[in-house]
Amino acid sequence: MRFKLIIAFIEDSKTDDVLEAAREAGATGATVINNARGEGL
């Protein structure tokens, strides 16, 4: 069995579209993190 991981940072309004496209491409699961936060230099 082979697994692939795709990480995408997208606007909340586009989440459903991205999940639908992933399912159509054969994805069998997804995790959505709504309140991510990051910092940089």
C-alpha atoms as a PDB file:
ATOM      1  CA  MET A   1       0.000   0.000   0.000  1.00  0.00           C
ATOM      2  CA  ARG A   2       1.298   3.467  -0.890  1.00  0.00           C
ATOM      3  CA  PHE A   3       0.387   6.670   0.859  1.00  0.00           C
ATOM      4  CA  LYS A   4       0.823  10.287  -0.198  1.00  0.00           C
ATOM      5  CA  LEU A   5       0.529  13.439   1.864  1.00  0.00           C
ATOM      6  CA  ILE A   6      -0.575  16.759   0.441  1.00  0.00           C
ATOM      7  CA  ILE A   7      -0.444  19.869   2.616  1.00  0.00           C
ATOM      8  CA  ALA A   8      -2.251  22.946   1.341  1.00  0.00           C
ATOM      9  CA  PHE A   9      -2.714  26.358   2.906  1.00  0.00           C
ATOM     10  CA  ILE A  10      -5.929  27.792   1.485  1.00  0.00           C
ATOM     11  CA  GLU A  11      -8.611  30.320   2.330  1.00  0.00           C
ATOM     12  CA  ASP A  12     -11.504  28.991   4.414  1.00  0.00           C
ATOM     13  CA  SER A  13     -13.933  29.746   1.585  1.00  0.00           C
ATOM     14  CA  LYS A  14     -12.125  27.319  -0.749  1.00  0.00           C
ATOM     15  CA  THR A  15     -11.933  24.334   1.629  1.00  0.00           C
ATOM     16  CA  ASP A  16     -14.957  22.516   0.198  1.00  0.00           C
ATOM     17  CA  ASP A  17     -13.718  22.928  -3.380  1.00  0.00           C
ATOM     18  CA  VAL A  18     -10.288  21.531  -2.498  1.00  0.00           C
ATOM     19  CA  LEU A  19     -11.765  18.570  -0.607  1.00  0.00           C
ATOM     20  CA  GLU A  20     -14.102  17.781  -3.503  1.00  0.00           C
ATOM     21  CA  ALA A  21     -11.209  17.865  -5.983  1.00  0.00           C
ATOM     22  CA  ALA A  22      -9.154  15.602  -3.720  1.00  0.00           C
ATOM     23  CA  ARG A  23     -11.989  13.074  -3.495  1.00  0.00           C
ATOM     24  CA  GLU A  24     -12.407  13.093  -7.272  1.00  0.00           C
ATOM     25  CA  ALA A  25      -8.672  12.394  -7.558  1.00  0.00           C
ATOM     26  CA  GLY A  26      -8.996   9.360  -5.279  1.00  0.00           C
ATOM     27  CA  ALA A  27      -8.348  10.694  -1.781  1.00  0.00           C
ATOM     28  CA  THR A  28      -9.914   8.536   0.927  1.00  0.00           C
ATOM     29  CA  GLY A  29      -9.446  10.879   3.882  1.00  0.00           C
ATOM     30  CA  ALA A  30      -8.674  14.438   4.901  1.00  0.00           C
ATOM     31  CA  THR A  31      -7.886  16.500   7.978  1.00  0.00           C
ATOM     32  CA  VAL A  32      -8.834  20.175   8.096  1.00  0.00           C
ATOM     33  CA  ILE A  33      -7.217  22.427  10.712  1.00  0.00           C
ATOM     34  CA  ASN A  34      -9.226  25.625  10.963  1.00  0.00           C
ATOM     35  CA  ASN A  35      -7.187  27.740  13.349  1.00  0.00           C
ATOM     36  CA  ALA A  36      -3.610  27.344  12.217  1.00  0.00           C
ATOM     37  CA  ARG A  37      -1.139  30.035  13.172  1.00  0.00           C
ATOM     38  CA  GLY A  38       2.447  30.582  12.184  1.00  0.00           C
ATOM     39  CA  GLU A  39       5.271  33.041  12.613  1.00  0.00           C
ATOM     40  CA  GLY A  40       8.388  33.797  10.687  1.00  0.00           C
ATOM     41  CA  LEU A  41      11.400  36.044  10.793  1.00  0.00           C
END
